[in-house]
Amino acid sequence: MSLGAVRLRIIDLEGGDQPMSVNHGDTVLVFNGELYNHAELRQELAQAGHQFHSNCDTETVLHAFLEWDIDAFRKFRGMFAAAFWTQSKKRLVLVRDHIGIKPLYFSRLRDNVYFGSELKAILRHPEISRTIDLAGLSDYLSLNYVPGPRTLVEGIEKVPPGTWLEWRSGKVNLRRILAARVRSRSPPGFGICQRRIGTGCYGRQ
């Protein structure tokens, strides 16, 4: 397994170099994006015993994955694409943010998977086809973009928004990120709504 990253430094300019690893290199992360709620998650993880060596949100993402595995993705608020490799399990996990702001592409070749945040990262591999996907080209000419999971290149797909991908033993599985449970309140009665919008008509609930 080979991982690489080019980082735009925004949070913690001195720390947060990638690929980032823990557990003597057993779990490795490359991360593109920004986690808006990393401070809250970091506090929760610190209370669970995790120790941090930087102020970078990348480190929070890595420790969250160690603590909660794929359930961590439900907690993430932000724009991101990430890849986690666990050497002891020979397991790769890719994940893309809920809306799909950050791009994430992958290609399957025999039992292997190649991925990147840009098409050109995958096309660097000499065995990846450079054949134009005619259906993708038709979509682009008609819509001015290519709807996922298709791309302009045959055999290269987009990880759909709000989805994680697992590669293990040559098999690829895609799963949706389960939505976090939100405690909902019953809507206010008709009379309360009237008072709130200032109609001057006061009804009963």
N, C-alpha and C. Protein backbone atom coordinates (compact mmCIF):
# COMPACT_ATOMS: atom_id res chain seq x y z
N MET A 1 0.84 -1.18 0.00
CA MET A 1 0.00 0.00 0.00
C MET A 1 0.89 1.25 0.00
N SER A 2 0.58 2.19 -0.89
CA SER A 2 1.31 3.46 -0.95
C SER A 2 0.33 4.60 -0.78
N LEU A 3 0.65 5.54 0.11
CA LEU A 3 -0.17 6.72 0.35
C LEU A 3 0.69 7.97 0.20
N GLY A 4 0.12 9.00 -0.38
CA GLY A 4 0.83 10.27 -0.51
C GLY A 4 -0.15 11.42 -0.44
N ALA A 5 0.34 12.59 -0.04
CA ALA A 5 -0.54 13.76 0.07
C ALA A 5 0.26 15.03 -0.13
N VAL A 6 -0.39 16.01 -0.74
CA VAL A 6 0.13 17.38 -0.83
C VAL A 6 -0.81 18.23 -0.01
N ARG A 7 -0.29 18.88 1.02
CA ARG A 7 -1.14 19.55 1.99
C ARG A 7 -1.15 21.06 1.81
N LEU A 8 -2.36 21.65 1.82
CA LEU A 8 -2.53 23.09 1.92
C LEU A 8 -2.66 23.41 3.40
N ARG A 9 -1.67 24.07 3.98
CA ARG A 9 -1.64 24.30 5.42
C ARG A 9 -2.55 25.46 5.81
N ILE A 10 -3.57 25.16 6.61
CA ILE A 10 -4.50 26.19 7.10
C ILE A 10 -4.56 26.15 8.62
N ILE A 11 -4.81 24.96 9.19
CA ILE A 11 -4.87 24.79 10.64
C ILE A 11 -3.56 24.18 11.09
N ASP A 12 -2.90 24.80 12.08
CA ASP A 12 -1.63 24.31 12.62
C ASP A 12 -0.58 24.18 11.52
N LEU A 13 0.04 25.29 11.18
CA LEU A 13 0.99 25.33 10.07
C LEU A 13 2.22 24.49 10.33
N GLU A 14 2.59 24.31 11.60
CA GLU A 14 3.81 23.57 11.93
C GLU A 14 3.56 22.06 12.06
N GLY A 15 2.37 21.70 12.51
CA GLY A 15 2.05 20.28 12.69
C GLY A 15 1.14 19.77 11.60
N GLY A 16 0.77 18.51 11.72
CA GLY A 16 -0.21 17.94 10.81
C GLY A 16 0.34 17.43 9.50
N ASP A 17 1.65 17.13 9.44
CA ASP A 17 2.21 16.60 8.20
C ASP A 17 1.56 15.26 7.85
N GLN A 18 1.43 15.00 6.56
CA GLN A 18 0.81 13.77 6.09
C GLN A 18 1.74 13.03 5.14
N PRO A 19 1.51 11.70 5.02
CA PRO A 19 0.58 10.85 5.76
C PRO A 19 0.85 10.87 7.27
N MET A 20 -0.24 10.77 8.04
CA MET A 20 -0.14 10.79 9.50
C MET A 20 -0.46 9.39 10.02
N SER A 21 0.31 8.95 11.01
CA SER A 21 0.11 7.60 11.52
C SER A 21 0.13 7.58 13.04
N VAL A 22 -0.42 6.50 13.58
CA VAL A 22 -0.41 6.22 15.03
C VAL A 22 -0.18 4.72 15.20
N ASN A 23 -0.05 4.32 16.47
CA ASN A 23 0.14 2.90 16.79
C ASN A 23 1.33 2.32 16.04
N HIS A 24 2.45 3.06 16.11
CA HIS A 24 3.69 2.61 15.48
C HIS A 24 3.53 2.38 13.98
N GLY A 25 2.69 3.23 13.38
CA GLY A 25 2.51 3.16 11.94
C GLY A 25 1.47 2.16 11.47
N ASP A 26 0.74 1.54 12.40
CA ASP A 26 -0.24 0.53 11.98
C ASP A 26 -1.43 1.16 11.26
N THR A 27 -1.86 2.34 11.71
CA THR A 27 -2.97 3.03 11.08
C THR A 27 -2.47 4.36 10.51
N VAL A 28 -2.72 4.56 9.21
CA VAL A 28 -2.19 5.73 8.50
C VAL A 28 -3.35 6.46 7.83
N LEU A 29 -3.26 7.78 7.82
CA LEU A 29 -4.32 8.62 7.25
C LEU A 29 -3.75 9.63 6.28
N VAL A 30 -4.45 9.82 5.15
CA VAL A 30 -4.28 11.00 4.31
C VAL A 30 -5.64 11.68 4.25
N PHE A 31 -5.64 13.01 4.39
CA PHE A 31 -6.89 13.75 4.61
C PHE A 31 -6.86 15.03 3.78
N ASN A 32 -7.96 15.29 3.08
CA ASN A 32 -8.12 16.52 2.30
C ASN A 32 -9.40 17.20 2.75
N GLY A 33 -9.27 18.42 3.27
CA GLY A 33 -10.48 19.13 3.67
C GLY A 33 -10.34 19.83 5.01
N GLU A 34 -11.49 20.05 5.63
CA GLU A 34 -11.53 20.73 6.92
C GLU A 34 -12.68 20.18 7.75
N LEU A 35 -12.39 19.88 9.00
CA LEU A 35 -13.40 19.38 9.93
C LEU A 35 -13.80 20.52 10.84
N TYR A 36 -15.04 21.00 10.71
CA TYR A 36 -15.47 22.19 11.44
C TYR A 36 -15.64 21.94 12.93
N ASN A 37 -16.00 20.73 13.29
CA ASN A 37 -16.25 20.43 14.71
C ASN A 37 -15.10 19.65 15.34
N HIS A 38 -13.89 19.83 14.84
CA HIS A 38 -12.78 19.04 15.35
C HIS A 38 -12.44 19.37 16.80
N ALA A 39 -12.68 20.62 17.24
CA ALA A 39 -12.37 20.98 18.62
C ALA A 39 -13.26 20.22 19.60
N GLU A 40 -14.55 20.10 19.28
CA GLU A 40 -15.47 19.37 20.15
C GLU A 40 -15.14 17.88 20.17
N LEU A 41 -14.84 17.32 18.99
CA LEU A 41 -14.49 15.91 18.92
C LEU A 41 -13.18 15.64 19.65
N ARG A 42 -12.24 16.56 19.55
CA ARG A 42 -10.94 16.40 20.22
C ARG A 42 -11.13 16.34 21.73
N GLN A 43 -12.01 17.18 22.24
CA GLN A 43 -12.27 17.19 23.68
C GLN A 43 -12.87 15.86 24.11
N GLU A 44 -13.80 15.34 23.32
CA GLU A 44 -14.43 14.06 23.65
C GLU A 44 -13.41 12.92 23.59
N LEU A 45 -12.53 12.97 22.61
CA LEU A 45 -11.51 11.93 22.48
C LEU A 45 -10.47 12.01 23.59
N ALA A 46 -10.12 13.23 24.00
CA ALA A 46 -9.16 13.40 25.09
C ALA A 46 -9.72 12.82 26.38
N GLN A 47 -11.02 13.00 26.59
CA GLN A 47 -11.65 12.43 27.78
C GLN A 47 -11.65 10.90 27.73
N ALA A 48 -11.58 10.35 26.53
CA ALA A 48 -11.52 8.89 26.37
C ALA A 48 -10.10 8.36 26.45
N GLY A 49 -9.13 9.26 26.64
CA GLY A 49 -7.75 8.83 26.84
C GLY A 49 -6.81 9.05 25.67
N HIS A 50 -7.28 9.66 24.60
CA HIS A 50 -6.41 9.91 23.44
C HIS A 50 -5.49 11.10 23.72
N GLN A 51 -4.28 10.98 23.25
CA GLN A 51 -3.29 12.06 23.40
C GLN A 51 -2.97 12.65 22.04
N PHE A 52 -2.86 13.98 22.01
CA PHE A 52 -2.64 14.69 20.75
C PHE A 52 -1.30 15.41 20.80
N HIS A 53 -0.68 15.52 19.61
CA HIS A 53 0.63 16.15 19.51
C HIS A 53 0.63 17.34 18.56
N SER A 54 -0.55 17.74 18.10
CA SER A 54 -0.68 18.91 17.24
C SER A 54 -2.05 19.51 17.46
N ASN A 55 -2.30 20.64 16.81
CA ASN A 55 -3.62 21.26 16.87
C ASN A 55 -4.37 21.08 15.56
N CYS A 56 -3.91 20.17 14.73
CA CYS A 56 -4.45 19.99 13.39
C CYS A 56 -5.69 19.10 13.41
N ASP A 57 -6.68 19.44 12.59
CA ASP A 57 -7.89 18.63 12.54
C ASP A 57 -7.62 17.25 11.95
N THR A 58 -6.53 17.09 11.19
CA THR A 58 -6.18 15.78 10.65
C THR A 58 -5.94 14.77 11.77
N GLU A 59 -5.28 15.20 12.83
CA GLU A 59 -5.01 14.31 13.94
C GLU A 59 -6.31 13.92 14.65
N THR A 60 -7.24 14.86 14.72
CA THR A 60 -8.55 14.55 15.31
C THR A 60 -9.28 13.50 14.48
N VAL A 61 -9.23 13.64 13.16
CA VAL A 61 -9.87 12.67 12.27
C VAL A 61 -9.28 11.28 12.49
N LEU A 62 -7.96 11.19 12.60
CA LEU A 62 -7.30 9.90 12.77
C LEU A 62 -7.69 9.25 14.08
N HIS A 63 -7.67 10.01 15.17
CA HIS A 63 -8.02 9.44 16.47
C HIS A 63 -9.51 9.09 16.55
N ALA A 64 -10.34 9.86 15.87
CA ALA A 64 -11.77 9.54 15.84
C ALA A 64 -12.00 8.20 15.15
N PHE A 65 -11.26 7.95 14.10
CA PHE A 65 -11.38 6.66 13.40
C PHE A 65 -10.90 5.52 14.29
N LEU A 66 -9.82 5.75 15.05
CA LEU A 66 -9.33 4.72 15.96
C LEU A 66 -10.37 4.40 17.05
N GLU A 67 -11.06 5.43 17.51
CA GLU A 67 -12.02 5.26 18.60
C GLU A 67 -13.33 4.66 18.13
N TRP A 68 -13.85 5.14 17.01
CA TRP A 68 -15.21 4.77 16.60
C TRP A 68 -15.28 4.04 15.26
N ASP A 69 -14.15 3.88 14.60
CA ASP A 69 -14.13 3.25 13.28
C ASP A 69 -15.08 4.02 12.35
N ILE A 70 -15.87 3.32 11.53
CA ILE A 70 -16.70 4.02 10.54
C ILE A 70 -17.81 4.85 11.19
N ASP A 71 -18.16 4.58 12.44
CA ASP A 71 -19.17 5.39 13.13
C ASP A 71 -18.68 6.82 13.35
N ALA A 72 -17.37 7.03 13.25
CA ALA A 72 -16.84 8.38 13.38
C ALA A 72 -17.37 9.29 12.28
N PHE A 73 -17.64 8.72 11.11
CA PHE A 73 -18.05 9.55 9.97
C PHE A 73 -19.38 10.24 10.22
N ARG A 74 -20.22 9.63 11.05
CA ARG A 74 -21.50 10.25 11.39
C ARG A 74 -21.29 11.52 12.21
N LYS A 75 -20.16 11.59 12.92
CA LYS A 75 -19.90 12.72 13.79
C LYS A 75 -19.22 13.89 13.07
N PHE A 76 -18.65 13.60 11.90
CA PHE A 76 -17.87 14.63 11.21
C PHE A 76 -18.78 15.68 10.59
N ARG A 77 -18.42 16.94 10.81
CA ARG A 77 -19.10 18.07 10.20
C ARG A 77 -18.06 18.87 9.44
N GLY A 78 -18.16 18.87 8.14
CA GLY A 78 -17.17 19.59 7.36
C GLY A 78 -17.16 19.14 5.92
N MET A 79 -16.09 19.51 5.23
CA MET A 79 -15.88 19.08 3.85
C MET A 79 -14.58 18.29 3.83
N PHE A 80 -14.64 17.05 3.33
CA PHE A 80 -13.46 16.20 3.47
C PHE A 80 -13.51 15.01 2.54
N ALA A 81 -12.33 14.53 2.23
CA ALA A 81 -12.13 13.22 1.61
C ALA A 81 -10.93 12.63 2.34
N ALA A 82 -11.02 11.37 2.73
CA ALA A 82 -9.97 10.78 3.56
C ALA A 82 -9.77 9.33 3.19
N ALA A 83 -8.55 8.86 3.48
CA ALA A 83 -8.21 7.45 3.28
C ALA A 83 -7.49 6.95 4.53
N PHE A 84 -7.94 5.81 5.06
CA PHE A 84 -7.35 5.19 6.25
C PHE A 84 -6.83 3.81 5.85
N TRP A 85 -5.58 3.54 6.17
CA TRP A 85 -5.01 2.21 5.94
C TRP A 85 -4.60 1.62 7.28
N THR A 86 -5.09 0.40 7.55
CA THR A 86 -4.73 -0.32 8.77
C THR A 86 -3.92 -1.54 8.36
N GLN A 87 -2.63 -1.48 8.67
CA GLN A 87 -1.70 -2.51 8.21
C GLN A 87 -2.04 -3.88 8.80
N SER A 88 -2.34 -3.94 10.10
CA SER A 88 -2.58 -5.23 10.75
C SER A 88 -3.82 -5.93 10.19
N LYS A 89 -4.75 -5.17 9.65
CA LYS A 89 -5.98 -5.75 9.09
C LYS A 89 -5.95 -5.80 7.57
N LYS A 90 -4.89 -5.22 6.96
CA LYS A 90 -4.83 -5.11 5.50
C LYS A 90 -6.15 -4.53 4.97
N ARG A 91 -6.53 -3.41 5.56
CA ARG A 91 -7.84 -2.81 5.28
C ARG A 91 -7.69 -1.34 4.90
N LEU A 92 -8.32 -0.98 3.79
CA LEU A 92 -8.35 0.41 3.34
C LEU A 92 -9.78 0.93 3.42
N VAL A 93 -9.94 2.12 3.99
CA VAL A 93 -11.25 2.77 4.05
C VAL A 93 -11.12 4.16 3.45
N LEU A 94 -11.97 4.45 2.47
CA LEU A 94 -12.08 5.79 1.90
C LEU A 94 -13.42 6.37 2.33
N VAL A 95 -13.47 7.69 2.49
CA VAL A 95 -14.74 8.33 2.86
C VAL A 95 -14.80 9.72 2.25
N ARG A 96 -16.01 10.11 1.84
CA ARG A 96 -16.25 11.43 1.25
C ARG A 96 -17.35 12.15 2.03
N ASP A 97 -17.22 13.44 2.16
CA ASP A 97 -18.15 14.21 3.00
C ASP A 97 -19.60 14.07 2.53
N HIS A 98 -20.51 14.45 3.41
CA HIS A 98 -21.93 14.19 3.24
C HIS A 98 -22.51 14.84 1.98
N ILE A 99 -22.01 16.00 1.60
CA ILE A 99 -22.54 16.72 0.44
C ILE A 99 -21.70 16.44 -0.81
N GLY A 100 -20.48 16.03 -0.62
CA GLY A 100 -19.61 15.76 -1.76
C GLY A 100 -18.85 16.98 -2.23
N ILE A 101 -18.51 17.87 -1.29
CA ILE A 101 -17.76 19.07 -1.65
C ILE A 101 -16.36 18.69 -2.12
N LYS A 102 -15.71 17.81 -1.39
CA LYS A 102 -14.36 17.37 -1.76
C LYS A 102 -14.44 16.15 -2.68
N PRO A 103 -13.73 16.17 -3.78
CA PRO A 103 -13.78 15.05 -4.72
C PRO A 103 -12.98 13.85 -4.24
N LEU A 104 -13.38 12.67 -4.67
CA LEU A 104 -12.64 11.45 -4.36
C LEU A 104 -12.94 10.43 -5.45
N TYR A 105 -11.90 10.01 -6.16
CA TYR A 105 -12.03 9.08 -7.28
C TYR A 105 -11.35 7.76 -6.95
N PHE A 106 -11.82 6.69 -7.60
CA PHE A 106 -11.16 5.40 -7.41
C PHE A 106 -11.31 4.56 -8.67
N SER A 107 -10.42 3.61 -8.81
CA SER A 107 -10.47 2.69 -9.94
C SER A 107 -10.08 1.30 -9.46
N ARG A 108 -10.79 0.30 -9.94
CA ARG A 108 -10.50 -1.08 -9.61
C ARG A 108 -9.74 -1.74 -10.76
N LEU A 109 -8.65 -2.35 -10.46
CA LEU A 109 -7.84 -3.05 -11.45
C LEU A 109 -7.45 -4.39 -10.87
N ARG A 110 -8.08 -5.46 -11.40
CA ARG A 110 -7.94 -6.80 -10.83
C ARG A 110 -8.32 -6.74 -9.34
N ASP A 111 -7.44 -7.14 -8.43
CA ASP A 111 -7.78 -7.15 -7.00
C ASP A 111 -7.33 -5.87 -6.29
N ASN A 112 -6.86 -4.90 -7.05
CA ASN A 112 -6.32 -3.69 -6.45
C ASN A 112 -7.26 -2.51 -6.63
N VAL A 113 -7.08 -1.50 -5.80
CA VAL A 113 -7.84 -0.27 -5.94
C VAL A 113 -6.88 0.91 -5.89
N TYR A 114 -7.12 1.87 -6.78
CA TYR A 114 -6.31 3.08 -6.85
C TYR A 114 -7.23 4.27 -6.64
N PHE A 115 -6.76 5.27 -5.91
CA PHE A 115 -7.65 6.39 -5.58
C PHE A 115 -6.87 7.70 -5.53
N GLY A 116 -7.62 8.79 -5.57
CA GLY A 116 -7.01 10.11 -5.47
C GLY A 116 -8.08 11.19 -5.46
N SER A 117 -7.70 12.38 -5.07
CA SER A 117 -8.64 13.51 -5.06
C SER A 117 -8.70 14.18 -6.43
N GLU A 118 -7.85 13.72 -7.36
CA GLU A 118 -7.88 14.19 -8.74
C GLU A 118 -7.70 13.01 -9.67
N LEU A 119 -8.28 13.11 -10.85
CA LEU A 119 -8.15 12.05 -11.83
C LEU A 119 -6.69 11.79 -12.20
N LYS A 120 -5.91 12.85 -12.30
CA LYS A 120 -4.54 12.70 -12.75
C LYS A 120 -3.69 11.88 -11.78
N ALA A 121 -4.08 11.84 -10.51
CA ALA A 121 -3.35 11.01 -9.55
C ALA A 121 -3.49 9.53 -9.91
N ILE A 122 -4.69 9.12 -10.35
CA ILE A 122 -4.91 7.73 -10.73
C ILE A 122 -4.29 7.44 -12.09
N LEU A 123 -4.36 8.41 -12.99
CA LEU A 123 -3.84 8.20 -14.34
C LEU A 123 -2.33 8.09 -14.38
N ARG A 124 -1.68 8.40 -13.27
CA ARG A 124 -0.22 8.21 -13.20
C ARG A 124 0.16 6.74 -13.29
N HIS A 125 -0.78 5.85 -12.92
CA HIS A 125 -0.47 4.42 -12.97
C HIS A 125 -0.47 3.96 -14.43
N PRO A 126 0.56 3.29 -14.87
CA PRO A 126 0.68 2.93 -16.30
C PRO A 126 -0.38 1.96 -16.80
N GLU A 127 -1.02 1.20 -15.89
CA GLU A 127 -2.01 0.22 -16.33
C GLU A 127 -3.44 0.76 -16.34
N ILE A 128 -3.63 1.97 -15.87
CA ILE A 128 -4.97 2.56 -15.87
C ILE A 128 -5.28 3.07 -17.28
N SER A 129 -6.45 2.70 -17.78
CA SER A 129 -6.86 3.09 -19.13
C SER A 129 -7.07 4.60 -19.23
N ARG A 130 -6.69 5.16 -20.36
CA ARG A 130 -6.96 6.58 -20.66
C ARG A 130 -8.11 6.73 -21.64
N THR A 131 -8.99 5.74 -21.68
CA THR A 131 -10.09 5.75 -22.64
C THR A 131 -11.22 6.67 -22.16
N ILE A 132 -11.70 7.50 -23.09
CA ILE A 132 -12.80 8.41 -22.75
C ILE A 132 -14.08 7.61 -22.54
N ASP A 133 -14.80 7.91 -21.48
CA ASP A 133 -16.12 7.34 -21.24
C ASP A 133 -17.12 8.15 -22.06
N LEU A 134 -17.65 7.56 -23.13
CA LEU A 134 -18.51 8.32 -24.05
C LEU A 134 -19.81 8.76 -23.39
N ALA A 135 -20.34 7.94 -22.48
CA ALA A 135 -21.56 8.34 -21.76
C ALA A 135 -21.25 9.53 -20.85
N GLY A 136 -20.08 9.49 -20.20
CA GLY A 136 -19.68 10.62 -19.36
C GLY A 136 -19.46 11.88 -20.18
N LEU A 137 -18.88 11.72 -21.38
CA LEU A 137 -18.67 12.86 -22.27
C LEU A 137 -20.00 13.45 -22.71
N SER A 138 -20.96 12.58 -23.03
CA SER A 138 -22.30 13.04 -23.41
C SER A 138 -22.95 13.84 -22.29
N ASP A 139 -22.82 13.32 -21.04
CA ASP A 139 -23.36 14.04 -19.89
C ASP A 139 -22.71 15.41 -19.75
N TYR A 140 -21.40 15.45 -19.93
CA TYR A 140 -20.68 16.72 -19.78
C TYR A 140 -21.12 17.74 -20.83
N LEU A 141 -21.27 17.30 -22.07
CA LEU A 141 -21.68 18.22 -23.14
C LEU A 141 -23.12 18.68 -22.97
N SER A 142 -23.93 17.84 -22.34
CA SER A 142 -25.35 18.19 -22.15
C SER A 142 -25.58 19.01 -20.88
N LEU A 143 -24.86 18.65 -19.81
CA LEU A 143 -25.13 19.21 -18.48
C LEU A 143 -24.03 20.14 -17.97
N ASN A 144 -22.88 20.12 -18.65
CA ASN A 144 -21.70 20.88 -18.23
C ASN A 144 -21.06 20.29 -16.97
N TYR A 145 -21.40 19.05 -16.64
CA TYR A 145 -20.73 18.30 -15.58
C TYR A 145 -21.06 16.83 -15.78
N VAL A 146 -20.37 15.95 -15.07
CA VAL A 146 -20.59 14.51 -15.20
C VAL A 146 -21.20 13.99 -13.90
N PRO A 147 -22.46 13.60 -13.90
CA PRO A 147 -23.07 13.08 -12.66
C PRO A 147 -22.36 11.80 -12.22
N GLY A 148 -22.16 11.68 -10.91
CA GLY A 148 -21.53 10.49 -10.37
C GLY A 148 -22.43 9.28 -10.46
N PRO A 149 -21.87 8.10 -10.36
CA PRO A 149 -20.45 7.81 -10.09
C PRO A 149 -19.56 7.85 -11.32
N ARG A 150 -20.14 8.14 -12.48
CA ARG A 150 -19.36 8.14 -13.73
C ARG A 150 -18.39 9.32 -13.76
N THR A 151 -17.30 9.17 -14.53
CA THR A 151 -16.37 10.27 -14.81
C THR A 151 -16.13 10.31 -16.32
N LEU A 152 -15.22 11.14 -16.75
CA LEU A 152 -14.87 11.23 -18.17
C LEU A 152 -13.94 10.11 -18.62
N VAL A 153 -13.46 9.30 -17.67
CA VAL A 153 -12.52 8.23 -17.99
C VAL A 153 -13.14 6.88 -17.65
N GLU A 154 -13.11 5.97 -18.62
CA GLU A 154 -13.64 4.63 -18.38
C GLU A 154 -12.89 3.95 -17.24
N GLY A 155 -13.63 3.33 -16.35
CA GLY A 155 -13.02 2.57 -15.27
C GLY A 155 -12.67 3.38 -14.04
N ILE A 156 -12.84 4.69 -14.10
CA ILE A 156 -12.61 5.53 -12.92
C ILE A 156 -13.96 6.07 -12.46
N GLU A 157 -14.25 5.87 -11.18
CA GLU A 157 -15.53 6.27 -10.61
C GLU A 157 -15.33 7.31 -9.51
N LYS A 158 -16.41 8.01 -9.19
CA LYS A 158 -16.42 8.90 -8.04
C LYS A 158 -17.00 8.15 -6.84
N VAL A 159 -16.38 8.31 -5.69
CA VAL A 159 -17.04 7.86 -4.46
C VAL A 159 -18.23 8.80 -4.24
N PRO A 160 -19.44 8.29 -4.16
CA PRO A 160 -20.61 9.17 -4.00
C PRO A 160 -20.54 9.99 -2.71
N PRO A 161 -21.17 11.15 -2.68
CA PRO A 161 -21.22 11.94 -1.44
C PRO A 161 -21.83 11.14 -0.29
N GLY A 162 -21.30 11.36 0.92
CA GLY A 162 -21.85 10.69 2.09
C GLY A 162 -21.67 9.19 2.06
N THR A 163 -20.55 8.74 1.48
CA THR A 163 -20.32 7.30 1.30
C THR A 163 -18.91 6.94 1.74
N TRP A 164 -18.77 5.73 2.29
CA TRP A 164 -17.44 5.20 2.59
C TRP A 164 -17.24 3.92 1.81
N LEU A 165 -15.99 3.70 1.45
CA LEU A 165 -15.60 2.53 0.66
C LEU A 165 -14.60 1.72 1.47
N GLU A 166 -14.78 0.42 1.48
CA GLU A 166 -13.83 -0.46 2.16
C GLU A 166 -13.23 -1.43 1.14
N TRP A 167 -11.89 -1.52 1.14
CA TRP A 167 -11.18 -2.51 0.34
C TRP A 167 -10.47 -3.46 1.30
N ARG A 168 -10.70 -4.75 1.09
CA ARG A 168 -10.04 -5.76 1.91
C ARG A 168 -10.00 -7.06 1.12
N SER A 169 -8.82 -7.65 1.04
CA SER A 169 -8.64 -8.93 0.34
C SER A 169 -9.14 -8.86 -1.10
N GLY A 170 -8.92 -7.74 -1.73
CA GLY A 170 -9.28 -7.60 -3.13
C GLY A 170 -10.73 -7.28 -3.40
N LYS A 171 -11.54 -7.14 -2.36
CA LYS A 171 -12.96 -6.86 -2.54
C LYS A 171 -13.29 -5.43 -2.11
N VAL A 172 -14.14 -4.78 -2.90
CA VAL A 172 -14.55 -3.40 -2.64
C VAL A 172 -16.02 -3.36 -2.26
N ASN A 173 -16.34 -2.69 -1.17
CA ASN A 173 -17.72 -2.48 -0.75
C ASN A 173 -17.95 -1.00 -0.49
N LEU A 174 -19.08 -0.51 -0.97
CA LEU A 174 -19.48 0.88 -0.77
C LEU A 174 -20.70 0.92 0.13
N ARG A 175 -20.68 1.81 1.13
CA ARG A 175 -21.80 1.94 2.06
C ARG A 175 -22.08 3.42 2.33
N ARG A 176 -23.33 3.73 2.52
CA ARG A 176 -23.71 5.09 2.88
C ARG A 176 -23.38 5.35 4.35
N ILE A 177 -23.01 6.58 4.67
CA ILE A 177 -22.82 6.99 6.06
C ILE A 177 -24.20 7.13 6.69
N LEU A 178 -24.44 6.40 7.76
CA LEU A 178 -25.73 6.51 8.44
C LEU A 178 -25.86 7.88 9.07
N ALA A 179 -27.02 8.48 8.90
CA ALA A 179 -27.25 9.81 9.46
C ALA A 179 -27.28 9.74 10.98
N ALA A 180 -26.71 10.77 11.60
CA ALA A 180 -26.76 10.84 13.06
C ALA A 180 -28.18 11.10 13.51
N ARG A 181 -28.51 10.51 14.64
CA ARG A 181 -29.85 10.72 15.17
C ARG A 181 -30.00 12.14 15.70
N VAL A 182 -31.10 12.76 15.32
CA VAL A 182 -31.38 14.12 15.76
C VAL A 182 -32.64 14.10 16.61
N ARG A 183 -32.54 14.65 17.80
CA ARG A 183 -33.70 14.71 18.68
C ARG A 183 -34.64 15.79 18.17
N SER A 184 -35.81 15.39 17.74
CA SER A 184 -36.77 16.34 17.18
C SER A 184 -37.82 16.69 18.22
N ARG A 185 -38.29 17.91 18.11
CA ARG A 185 -39.38 18.36 18.98
C ARG A 185 -40.66 18.44 18.17
N SER A 186 -41.78 18.22 18.83
CA SER A 186 -43.06 18.33 18.15
C SER A 186 -43.24 19.77 17.67
N PRO A 187 -43.81 19.95 16.46
CA PRO A 187 -44.02 21.31 15.96
C PRO A 187 -45.00 22.07 16.85
N PRO A 188 -44.83 23.38 16.96
CA PRO A 188 -45.74 24.17 17.79
C PRO A 188 -47.16 24.14 17.25
N GLY A 189 -48.12 24.33 18.15
CA GLY A 189 -49.52 24.34 17.74
C GLY A 189 -49.85 25.54 16.86
N PHE A 190 -51.03 25.48 16.26
CA PHE A 190 -51.45 26.52 15.33
C PHE A 190 -51.52 27.89 16.01
N GLY A 191 -52.00 27.90 17.25
CA GLY A 191 -52.12 29.18 17.96
C GLY A 191 -50.76 29.81 18.21
N ILE A 192 -49.77 29.00 18.61
CA ILE A 192 -48.44 29.53 18.85
C ILE A 192 -47.84 30.11 17.58
N CYS A 193 -48.04 29.41 16.45
CA CYS A 193 -47.52 29.90 15.17
C CYS A 193 -48.12 31.26 14.83
N GLN A 194 -49.42 31.40 15.08
CA GLN A 194 -50.07 32.68 14.79
C GLN A 194 -49.46 33.80 15.61
N ARG A 195 -49.22 33.55 16.91
CA ARG A 195 -48.66 34.58 17.76
C ARG A 195 -47.23 34.93 17.33
N ARG A 196 -46.48 33.91 16.91
CA ARG A 196 -45.09 34.16 16.53
C ARG A 196 -44.98 35.03 15.28
N ILE A 197 -45.88 34.89 14.34
CA ILE A 197 -45.79 35.69 13.12
C ILE A 197 -46.55 37.00 13.26
N GLY A 198 -47.12 37.25 14.43
CA GLY A 198 -47.70 38.55 14.72
C GLY A 198 -48.97 38.87 13.95
N THR A 199 -49.82 37.88 13.76
CA THR A 199 -51.06 38.13 13.02
C THR A 199 -52.10 38.84 13.87
N GLY A 200 -51.93 38.77 15.17
CA GLY A 200 -52.92 39.37 16.04
C GLY A 200 -54.11 38.46 16.26
N CYS A 201 -54.06 37.26 15.70
CA CYS A 201 -55.14 36.29 15.88
C CYS A 201 -54.62 35.21 16.83
N TYR A 202 -55.24 35.08 17.95
CA TYR A 202 -54.76 34.16 18.99
C TYR A 202 -55.68 32.96 19.08
N GLY A 203 -55.21 31.84 18.58
CA GLY A 203 -56.01 30.64 18.61
C GLY A 203 -55.60 29.73 19.75
N ARG A 204 -56.25 28.61 19.86
CA ARG A 204 -55.93 27.60 20.86
C ARG A 204 -55.04 26.53 20.23
N GLN A 205 -54.24 25.90 21.10
CA GLN A 205 -53.41 24.79 20.61
C GLN A 205 -54.29 23.57 20.40
